[in-house]
PDB file of all heavy atoms in Angstrom:
ATOM      1  N   SER A   1       1.350 182.851 -46.567  1.00  0.00           N
ATOM      2  CA  SER A   1       2.558 182.359 -45.906  1.00  0.00           C
ATOM      3  C   SER A   1       2.429 182.275 -44.396  1.00  0.00           C
ATOM      4  O   SER A   1       3.212 181.585 -43.744  1.00  0.00           O
ATOM      5  CB  SER A   1       3.734 183.272 -46.246  1.00  0.00           C
ATOM      6  OG  SER A   1       3.517 184.577 -45.714  1.00  0.00           O
ATOM      7  N   GLY A   2       1.469 183.008 -43.829  1.00  0.00           N
ATOM      8  CA  GLY A   2       1.367 183.073 -42.382  1.00  0.00           C
ATOM      9  C   GLY A   2       2.135 184.229 -41.789  1.00  0.00           C
ATOM     10  O   GLY A   2       2.193 184.388 -40.561  1.00  0.00           O
ATOM     11  N   ILE A   3       2.748 185.059 -42.639  1.00  0.00           N
ATOM     12  CA  ILE A   3       3.403 186.270 -42.136  1.00  0.00           C
ATOM     13  C   ILE A   3       2.371 187.143 -41.430  1.00  0.00           C
ATOM     14  O   ILE A   3       2.656 187.763 -40.396  1.00  0.00           O
ATOM     15  CB  ILE A   3       4.082 187.027 -43.295  1.00  0.00           C
ATOM     16  CG1 ILE A   3       5.234 186.197 -43.858  1.00  0.00           C
ATOM     17  CG2 ILE A   3       4.583 188.388 -42.835  1.00  0.00           C
ATOM     18  CD1 ILE A   3       5.913 186.809 -45.053  1.00  0.00           C
ATOM     19  N   VAL A   4       1.169 187.200 -42.005  1.00  0.00           N
ATOM     20  CA  VAL A   4       0.025 187.789 -41.304  1.00  0.00           C
ATOM     21  C   VAL A   4      -0.798 186.616 -40.784  1.00  0.00           C
ATOM     22  O   VAL A   4      -1.506 185.959 -41.554  1.00  0.00           O
ATOM     23  CB  VAL A   4      -0.823 188.672 -42.235  1.00  0.00           C
ATOM     24  CG1 VAL A   4      -2.001 189.277 -41.467  1.00  0.00           C
ATOM     25  CG2 VAL A   4       0.020 189.777 -42.850  1.00  0.00           C
ATOM     26  N   PRO A   5      -0.717 186.279 -39.497  1.00  0.00           N
ATOM     27  CA  PRO A   5      -1.386 185.073 -38.972  1.00  0.00           C
ATOM     28  C   PRO A   5      -2.902 185.171 -39.095  1.00  0.00           C
ATOM     29  O   PRO A   5      -3.488 186.258 -39.010  1.00  0.00           O
ATOM     30  CB  PRO A   5      -0.956 185.041 -37.493  1.00  0.00           C
ATOM     31  CG  PRO A   5       0.223 185.967 -37.396  1.00  0.00           C
ATOM     32  CD  PRO A   5       0.033 186.998 -38.457  1.00  0.00           C
ATOM     33  N   THR A   6      -3.533 184.022 -39.291  1.00  0.00           N
ATOM     34  CA  THR A   6      -4.992 183.997 -39.398  1.00  0.00           C
ATOM     35  C   THR A   6      -5.656 184.431 -38.099  1.00  0.00           C
ATOM     36  O   THR A   6      -6.802 184.892 -38.115  1.00  0.00           O
ATOM     37  CB  THR A   6      -5.466 182.583 -39.766  1.00  0.00           C
ATOM     38  OG1 THR A   6      -4.944 181.652 -38.807  1.00  0.00           O
ATOM     39  CG2 THR A   6      -4.990 182.201 -41.155  1.00  0.00           C
ATOM     40  N   ALA A   7      -4.957 184.276 -36.967  1.00  0.00           N
ATOM     41  CA  ALA A   7      -5.524 184.685 -35.681  1.00  0.00           C
ATOM     42  C   ALA A   7      -5.393 186.174 -35.433  1.00  0.00           C
ATOM     43  O   ALA A   7      -5.971 186.695 -34.473  1.00  0.00           O
ATOM     44  CB  ALA A   7      -4.834 183.915 -34.543  1.00  0.00           C
ATOM     45  N   SER A   8      -4.660 186.875 -36.279  1.00  0.00           N
ATOM     46  CA  SER A   8      -4.459 188.310 -36.088  1.00  0.00           C
ATOM     47  C   SER A   8      -5.734 189.086 -36.409  1.00  0.00           C
ATOM     48  O   SER A   8      -6.433 188.762 -37.381  1.00  0.00           O
ATOM     49  CB  SER A   8      -3.322 188.803 -36.985  1.00  0.00           C
ATOM     50  OG  SER A   8      -3.242 190.212 -36.981  1.00  0.00           O
ATOM     51  N   PRO A   9      -6.057 190.121 -35.626  1.00  0.00           N
ATOM     52  CA  PRO A   9      -7.239 190.954 -35.953  1.00  0.00           C
ATOM     53  C   PRO A   9      -7.129 191.637 -37.315  1.00  0.00           C
ATOM     54  O   PRO A   9      -8.151 192.010 -37.907  1.00  0.00           O
ATOM     55  CB  PRO A   9      -7.254 191.989 -34.819  1.00  0.00           C
ATOM     56  CG  PRO A   9      -6.468 191.371 -33.709  1.00  0.00           C
ATOM     57  CD  PRO A   9      -5.409 190.540 -34.369  1.00  0.00           C
ATOM     58  N   ALA A  10      -5.894 191.790 -37.811  1.00  0.00           N
ATOM     59  CA  ALA A  10      -5.701 192.454 -39.103  1.00  0.00           C
ATOM     60  C   ALA A  10      -5.881 191.508 -40.285  1.00  0.00           C
ATOM     61  O   ALA A  10      -6.002 191.970 -41.422  1.00  0.00           O
ATOM     62  CB  ALA A  10      -4.307 193.080 -39.157  1.00  0.00           C
ATOM     63  N   TYR A  11      -5.915 190.203 -40.025  1.00  0.00           N
ATOM     64  CA  TYR A  11      -5.967 189.235 -41.116  1.00  0.00           C
ATOM     65  C   TYR A  11      -7.195 189.425 -42.023  1.00  0.00           C
ATOM     66  O   TYR A  11      -7.050 189.380 -43.258  1.00  0.00           O
ATOM     67  CB  TYR A  11      -5.937 187.804 -40.564  1.00  0.00           C
ATOM     68  CG  TYR A  11      -5.923 186.751 -41.642  1.00  0.00           C
ATOM     69  CD1 TYR A  11      -4.738 186.378 -42.258  1.00  0.00           C
ATOM     70  CD2 TYR A  11      -7.110 186.137 -42.061  1.00  0.00           C
ATOM     71  CE1 TYR A  11      -4.731 185.405 -43.250  1.00  0.00           C
ATOM     72  CE2 TYR A  11      -7.103 185.171 -43.050  1.00  0.00           C
ATOM     73  CZ  TYR A  11      -5.910 184.807 -43.643  1.00  0.00           C
ATOM     74  OH  TYR A  11      -5.913 183.860 -44.640  1.00  0.00           O
ATOM     75  N   PRO A  12      -8.413 189.623 -41.479  1.00  0.00           N
ATOM     76  CA  PRO A  12      -9.567 189.823 -42.377  1.00  0.00           C
ATOM     77  C   PRO A  12      -9.391 191.004 -43.323  1.00  0.00           C
ATOM     78  O   PRO A  12      -9.839 190.939 -44.474  1.00  0.00           O
ATOM     79  CB  PRO A  12     -10.737 190.046 -41.411  1.00  0.00           C
ATOM     80  CG  PRO A  12     -10.312 189.404 -40.136  1.00  0.00           C
ATOM     81  CD  PRO A  12      -8.832 189.604 -40.067  1.00  0.00           C
ATOM     82  N   TYR A  13      -8.721 192.036 -42.864  1.00  0.00           N
ATOM     83  CA  TYR A  13      -8.532 193.213 -43.717  1.00  0.00           C
ATOM     84  C   TYR A  13      -7.495 192.935 -44.809  1.00  0.00           C
ATOM     85  O   TYR A  13      -7.647 193.393 -45.950  1.00  0.00           O
ATOM     86  CB  TYR A  13      -8.127 194.411 -42.862  1.00  0.00           C
ATOM     87  CG  TYR A  13      -9.167 194.784 -41.831  1.00  0.00           C
ATOM     88  CD1 TYR A  13      -9.087 194.316 -40.526  1.00  0.00           C
ATOM     89  CD2 TYR A  13     -10.269 195.557 -42.188  1.00  0.00           C
ATOM     90  CE1 TYR A  13     -10.065 194.631 -39.589  1.00  0.00           C
ATOM     91  CE2 TYR A  13     -11.254 195.890 -41.265  1.00  0.00           C
ATOM     92  CZ  TYR A  13     -11.138 195.415 -39.963  1.00  0.00           C
ATOM     93  OH  TYR A  13     -12.120 195.723 -39.039  1.00  0.00           O
ATOM     94  N   PHE A  14      -6.441 192.200 -44.463  1.00  0.00           N
ATOM     95  CA  PHE A  14      -5.472 191.808 -45.487  1.00  0.00           C
ATOM     96  C   PHE A  14      -6.127 190.890 -46.517  1.00  0.00           C
ATOM     97  O   PHE A  14      -5.873 191.023 -47.728  1.00  0.00           O
ATOM     98  CB  PHE A  14      -4.272 191.112 -44.834  1.00  0.00           C
ATOM     99  CG  PHE A  14      -3.226 192.056 -44.325  1.00  0.00           C
ATOM    100  CD1 PHE A  14      -3.294 192.551 -43.029  1.00  0.00           C
ATOM    101  CD2 PHE A  14      -2.171 192.452 -45.132  1.00  0.00           C
ATOM    102  CE1 PHE A  14      -2.324 193.427 -42.547  1.00  0.00           C
ATOM    103  CE2 PHE A  14      -1.197 193.324 -44.663  1.00  0.00           C
ATOM    104  CZ  PHE A  14      -1.275 193.808 -43.364  1.00  0.00           C
ATOM    105  N   ALA A  15      -6.956 189.955 -46.061  1.00  0.00           N
ATOM    106  CA  ALA A  15      -7.654 189.066 -46.992  1.00  0.00           C
ATOM    107  C   ALA A  15      -8.608 189.857 -47.887  1.00  0.00           C
ATOM    108  O   ALA A  15      -8.734 189.569 -49.087  1.00  0.00           O
ATOM    109  CB  ALA A  15      -8.417 187.997 -46.218  1.00  0.00           C
ATOM    110  N   ALA A  16      -9.271 190.869 -47.319  1.00  0.00           N
ATOM    111  CA  ALA A  16     -10.184 191.701 -48.109  1.00  0.00           C
ATOM    112  C   ALA A  16      -9.422 192.514 -49.153  1.00  0.00           C
ATOM    113  O   ALA A  16      -9.870 192.659 -50.297  1.00  0.00           O
ATOM    114  CB  ALA A  16     -10.967 192.633 -47.178  1.00  0.00           C
ATOM    115  N   ILE A  17      -8.252 193.048 -48.768  1.00  0.00           N
ATOM    116  CA  ILE A  17      -7.434 193.801 -49.726  1.00  0.00           C
ATOM    117  C   ILE A  17      -6.950 192.877 -50.838  1.00  0.00           C
ATOM    118  O   ILE A  17      -6.904 193.271 -52.016  1.00  0.00           O
ATOM    119  CB  ILE A  17      -6.242 194.467 -49.004  1.00  0.00           C
ATOM    120  CG1 ILE A  17      -6.753 195.541 -48.040  1.00  0.00           C
ATOM    121  CG2 ILE A  17      -5.279 195.083 -50.012  1.00  0.00           C
ATOM    122  CD1 ILE A  17      -5.668 196.120 -47.148  1.00  0.00           C
ATOM    123  N   HIS A  18      -6.612 191.648 -50.484  1.00  0.00           N
ATOM    124  CA  HIS A  18      -6.184 190.672 -51.495  1.00  0.00           C
ATOM    125  C   HIS A  18      -7.297 190.412 -52.506  1.00  0.00           C
ATOM    126  O   HIS A  18      -7.061 190.385 -53.728  1.00  0.00           O
ATOM    127  CB  HIS A  18      -5.779 189.366 -50.800  1.00  0.00           C
ATOM    128  CG  HIS A  18      -5.531 188.241 -51.747  1.00  0.00           C
ATOM    129  ND1 HIS A  18      -6.360 187.138 -51.832  1.00  0.00           N
ATOM    130  CD2 HIS A  18      -4.564 188.042 -52.661  1.00  0.00           C
ATOM    131  CE1 HIS A  18      -5.910 186.325 -52.761  1.00  0.00           C
ATOM    132  NE2 HIS A  18      -4.824 186.835 -53.278  1.00  0.00           N
ATOM    133  N   ILE A  19      -8.530 190.232 -52.016  1.00  0.00           N
ATOM    134  CA  ILE A  19      -9.663 190.038 -52.919  1.00  0.00           C
ATOM    135  C   ILE A  19      -9.882 191.282 -53.782  1.00  0.00           C
ATOM    136  O   ILE A  19     -10.113 191.186 -54.995  1.00  0.00           O
ATOM    137  CB  ILE A  19     -10.930 189.700 -52.118  1.00  0.00           C
ATOM    138  CG1 ILE A  19     -10.777 188.340 -51.432  1.00  0.00           C
ATOM    139  CG2 ILE A  19     -12.170 189.702 -53.018  1.00  0.00           C
ATOM    140  CD1 ILE A  19     -11.908 188.004 -50.483  1.00  0.00           C
ATOM    141  N   GLY A  20      -9.804 192.457 -53.158  1.00  0.00           N
ATOM    142  CA  GLY A  20     -10.011 193.700 -53.896  1.00  0.00           C
ATOM    143  C   GLY A  20      -8.994 193.891 -55.002  1.00  0.00           C
ATOM    144  O   GLY A  20      -9.340 194.286 -56.126  1.00  0.00           O
ATOM    145  N   LEU A  21      -7.724 193.603 -54.717  1.00  0.00           N
ATOM    146  CA  LEU A  21      -6.689 193.758 -55.741  1.00  0.00           C
ATOM    147  C   LEU A  21      -6.872 192.729 -56.855  1.00  0.00           C
ATOM    148  O   LEU A  21      -6.648 193.034 -58.030  1.00  0.00           O
ATOM    149  CB  LEU A  21      -5.311 193.610 -55.110  1.00  0.00           C
ATOM    150  CG  LEU A  21      -4.846 194.783 -54.242  1.00  0.00           C
ATOM    151  CD1 LEU A  21      -3.542 194.438 -53.523  1.00  0.00           C
ATOM    152  CD2 LEU A  21      -4.663 196.041 -55.087  1.00  0.00           C
ATOM    153  N   GLY A  22      -7.282 191.506 -56.484  1.00  0.00           N
ATOM    154  CA  GLY A  22      -7.528 190.494 -57.508  1.00  0.00           C
ATOM    155  C   GLY A  22      -8.643 190.899 -58.456  1.00  0.00           C
ATOM    156  O   GLY A  22      -8.524 190.745 -59.684  1.00  0.00           O
ATOM    157  N   MET A  23      -9.727 191.450 -57.900  1.00  0.00           N
ATOM    158  CA  MET A  23     -10.839 191.898 -58.743  1.00  0.00           C
ATOM    159  C   MET A  23     -10.443 193.110 -59.576  1.00  0.00           C
ATOM    160  O   MET A  23     -10.835 193.223 -60.746  1.00  0.00           O
ATOM    161  CB  MET A  23     -12.047 192.217 -57.863  1.00  0.00           C
ATOM    162  CG  MET A  23     -12.698 190.994 -57.238  1.00  0.00           C
ATOM    163  SD  MET A  23     -13.347 189.837 -58.472  1.00  0.00           S
ATOM    164  CE  MET A  23     -14.648 190.843 -59.214  1.00  0.00           C
ATOM    165  N   ALA A  24      -9.666 194.029 -59.006  1.00  0.00           N
ATOM    166  CA  ALA A  24      -9.197 195.195 -59.764  1.00  0.00           C
ATOM    167  C   ALA A  24      -8.288 194.764 -60.905  1.00  0.00           C
ATOM    168  O   ALA A  24      -8.300 195.370 -61.992  1.00  0.00           O
ATOM    169  CB  ALA A  24      -8.467 196.165 -58.832  1.00  0.00           C
ATOM    170  N   THR A  25      -7.490 193.713 -60.684  1.00  0.00           N
ATOM    171  CA  THR A  25      -6.620 193.189 -61.741  1.00  0.00           C
ATOM    172  C   THR A  25      -7.448 192.646 -62.898  1.00  0.00           C
ATOM    173  O   THR A  25      -7.160 192.931 -64.074  1.00  0.00           O
ATOM    174  CB  THR A  25      -5.717 192.079 -61.178  1.00  0.00           C
ATOM    175  OG1 THR A  25      -4.956 192.598 -60.088  1.00  0.00           O
ATOM    176  CG2 THR A  25      -4.782 191.552 -62.252  1.00  0.00           C
ATOM    177  N   LEU A  26      -8.478 191.866 -62.584  1.00  0.00           N
ATOM    178  CA  LEU A  26      -9.340 191.336 -63.642  1.00  0.00           C
ATOM    179  C   LEU A  26     -10.105 192.447 -64.356  1.00  0.00           C
ATOM    180  O   LEU A  26     -10.332 192.372 -65.569  1.00  0.00           O
ATOM    181  CB  LEU A  26     -10.316 190.319 -63.042  1.00  0.00           C
ATOM    182  CG  LEU A  26      -9.691 188.994 -62.602  1.00  0.00           C
ATOM    183  CD1 LEU A  26     -10.697 188.172 -61.801  1.00  0.00           C
ATOM    184  CD2 LEU A  26      -9.195 188.205 -63.803  1.00  0.00           C
ATOM    185  N   TRP A  27     -10.491 193.475 -63.602  1.00  0.00           N
ATOM    186  CA  TRP A  27     -11.174 194.615 -64.226  1.00  0.00           C
ATOM    187  C   TRP A  27     -10.229 195.348 -65.181  1.00  0.00           C
ATOM    188  O   TRP A  27     -10.634 195.742 -66.277  1.00  0.00           O
ATOM    189  CB  TRP A  27     -11.697 195.575 -63.168  1.00  0.00           C
ATOM    190  CG  TRP A  27     -12.297 196.810 -63.751  1.00  0.00           C
ATOM    191  CD1 TRP A  27     -11.709 198.035 -63.893  1.00  0.00           C
ATOM    192  CD2 TRP A  27     -13.603 196.942 -64.338  1.00  0.00           C
ATOM    193  NE1 TRP A  27     -12.557 198.918 -64.517  1.00  0.00           N
ATOM    194  CE2 TRP A  27     -13.728 198.276 -64.801  1.00  0.00           C
ATOM    195  CE3 TRP A  27     -14.668 196.057 -64.501  1.00  0.00           C
ATOM    196  CZ2 TRP A  27     -14.885 198.743 -65.402  1.00  0.00           C
ATOM    197  CZ3 TRP A  27     -15.823 196.525 -65.130  1.00  0.00           C
ATOM    198  CH2 TRP A  27     -15.924 197.852 -65.561  1.00  0.00           C
ATOM    199  N   ALA A  28      -8.961 195.532 -64.783  1.00  0.00           N
ATOM    200  CA  ALA A  28      -7.988 196.181 -65.658  1.00  0.00           C
ATOM    201  C   ALA A  28      -7.790 195.374 -66.938  1.00  0.00           C
ATOM    202  O   ALA A  28      -7.659 195.939 -68.031  1.00  0.00           O
ATOM    203  CB  ALA A  28      -6.654 196.360 -64.930  1.00  0.00           C
ATOM    204  N   LEU A  29      -7.797 194.046 -66.819  1.00  0.00           N
ATOM    205  CA  LEU A  29      -7.717 193.194 -68.005  1.00  0.00           C
ATOM    206  C   LEU A  29      -8.947 193.392 -68.888  1.00  0.00           C
ATOM    207  O   LEU A  29      -8.837 193.495 -70.117  1.00  0.00           O
ATOM    208  CB  LEU A  29      -7.599 191.732 -67.580  1.00  0.00           C
ATOM    209  CG  LEU A  29      -7.373 190.709 -68.683  1.00  0.00           C
ATOM    210  CD1 LEU A  29      -5.993 190.882 -69.302  1.00  0.00           C
ATOM    211  CD2 LEU A  29      -7.543 189.290 -68.151  1.00  0.00           C
ATOM    212  N   PHE A  30     -10.123 193.465 -68.256  1.00  0.00           N
ATOM    213  CA  PHE A  30     -11.378 193.685 -68.978  1.00  0.00           C
ATOM    214  C   PHE A  30     -11.331 194.995 -69.763  1.00  0.00           C
ATOM    215  O   PHE A  30     -11.672 195.029 -70.952  1.00  0.00           O
ATOM    216  CB  PHE A  30     -12.525 193.706 -67.959  1.00  0.00           C
ATOM    217  CG  PHE A  30     -13.824 194.233 -68.479  1.00  0.00           C
ATOM    218  CD1 PHE A  30     -14.669 193.444 -69.243  1.00  0.00           C
ATOM    219  CD2 PHE A  30     -14.217 195.537 -68.200  1.00  0.00           C
ATOM    220  CE1 PHE A  30     -15.878 193.935 -69.707  1.00  0.00           C
ATOM    221  CE2 PHE A  30     -15.420 196.033 -68.659  1.00  0.00           C
ATOM    222  CZ  PHE A  30     -16.252 195.234 -69.425  1.00  0.00           C
ATOM    223  N   VAL A  31     -10.899 196.070 -69.131  1.00  0.00           N
ATOM    224  CA  VAL A  31     -10.832 197.373 -69.816  1.00  0.00           C
ATOM    225  C   VAL A  31      -9.821 197.333 -70.950  1.00  0.00           C
ATOM    226  O   VAL A  31     -10.049 197.892 -72.029  1.00  0.00           O
ATOM    227  CB  VAL A  31     -10.488 198.482 -68.808  1.00  0.00           C
ATOM    228  CG1 VAL A  31     -10.269 199.815 -69.523  1.00  0.00           C
ATOM    229  CG2 VAL A  31     -11.589 198.623 -67.768  1.00  0.00           C
ATOM    230  N   ASN A  32      -8.691 196.657 -70.734  1.00  0.00           N
ATOM    231  CA  ASN A  32      -7.680 196.560 -71.788  1.00  0.00           C
ATOM    232  C   ASN A  32      -8.195 195.801 -72.997  1.00  0.00           C
ATOM    233  O   ASN A  32      -7.645 195.947 -74.096  1.00  0.00           O
ATOM    234  CB  ASN A  32      -6.422 195.885 -71.239  1.00  0.00           C
ATOM    235  CG  ASN A  32      -5.449 196.874 -70.636  1.00  0.00           C
ATOM    236  OD1 ASN A  32      -4.667 197.514 -71.348  1.00  0.00           O
ATOM    237  ND2 ASN A  32      -5.497 197.025 -69.323  1.00  0.00           N
ATOM    238  N   GLY A  33      -9.247 195.000 -72.809  1.00  0.00           N
ATOM    239  CA  GLY A  33      -9.831 194.311 -73.944  1.00  0.00           C
ATOM    240  C   GLY A  33     -10.447 195.252 -74.958  1.00  0.00           C
ATOM    241  O   GLY A  33     -10.567 194.917 -76.140  1.00  0.00           O
ATOM    242  N   PHE A  34     -10.837 196.453 -74.516  1.00  0.00           N
ATOM    243  CA  PHE A  34     -11.476 197.422 -75.415  1.00  0.00           C
ATOM    244  C   PHE A  34     -10.508 198.486 -75.928  1.00  0.00           C
ATOM    245  O   PHE A  34     -10.848 199.229 -76.847  1.00  0.00           O
ATOM    246  CB  PHE A  34     -12.640 198.116 -74.693  1.00  0.00           C
ATOM    247  CG  PHE A  34     -13.757 197.181 -74.331  1.00  0.00           C
ATOM    248  CD1 PHE A  34     -13.807 196.585 -73.082  1.00  0.00           C
ATOM    249  CD2 PHE A  34     -14.765 196.885 -75.242  1.00  0.00           C
ATOM    250  CE1 PHE A  34     -14.835 195.722 -72.730  1.00  0.00           C
ATOM    251  CE2 PHE A  34     -15.799 196.029 -74.910  1.00  0.00           C
ATOM    252  CZ  PHE A  34     -15.832 195.438 -73.653  1.00  0.00           C
ATOM    253  N   VAL A  35      -9.309 198.569 -75.344  1.00  0.00           N
ATOM    254  CA  VAL A  35      -8.356 199.603 -75.734  1.00  0.00           C
ATOM    255  C   VAL A  35      -7.974 199.512 -77.212  1.00  0.00           C
ATOM    256  O   VAL A  35      -7.923 200.536 -77.902  1.00  0.00           O
ATOM    257  CB  VAL A  35      -7.102 199.544 -74.836  1.00  0.00           C
ATOM    258  CG1 VAL A  35      -5.986 200.449 -75.384  1.00  0.00           C
ATOM    259  CG2 VAL A  35      -7.454 199.971 -73.414  1.00  0.00           C
ATOM    260  N   PRO A  36      -7.692 198.308 -77.776  1.00  0.00           N
ATOM    261  CA  PRO A  36      -7.317 198.261 -79.199  1.00  0.00           C
ATOM    262  C   PRO A  36      -8.393 198.756 -80.146  1.00  0.00           C
ATOM    263  O   PRO A  36      -8.089 199.105 -81.294  1.00  0.00           O
ATOM    264  CB  PRO A  36      -7.028 196.764 -79.429  1.00  0.00           C
ATOM    265  CG  PRO A  36      -6.722 196.210 -78.089  1.00  0.00           C
ATOM    266  CD  PRO A  36      -7.595 196.970 -77.150  1.00  0.00           C
ATOM    267  N   PHE A  37      -9.648 198.799 -79.692  1.00  0.00           N
ATOM    268  CA  PHE A  37     -10.722 199.288 -80.559  1.00  0.00           C
ATOM    269  C   PHE A  37     -10.788 200.815 -80.586  1.00  0.00           C
ATOM    270  O   PHE A  37     -11.629 201.384 -81.291  1.00  0.00           O
ATOM    271  CB  PHE A  37     -12.060 198.719 -80.080  1.00  0.00           C
ATOM    272  CG  PHE A  37     -12.159 197.225 -80.189  1.00  0.00           C
ATOM    273  CD1 PHE A  37     -11.923 196.420 -79.089  1.00  0.00           C
ATOM    274  CD2 PHE A  37     -12.473 196.620 -81.400  1.00  0.00           C
ATOM    275  CE1 PHE A  37     -12.006 195.039 -79.175  1.00  0.00           C
ATOM    276  CE2 PHE A  37     -12.557 195.238 -81.500  1.00  0.00           C
ATOM    277  CZ  PHE A  37     -12.320 194.439 -80.383  1.00  0.00           C
TER     278      PHE A  37
END
């Protein structure tokens, strides 16, 4: 949205956290694939 501007020094860290949460979400889905077994 630009609430955290791309020119802000904090923007790379917010983008990194976004990537990290996205990967953790997919990992949680992956683990849930084995739970029914």
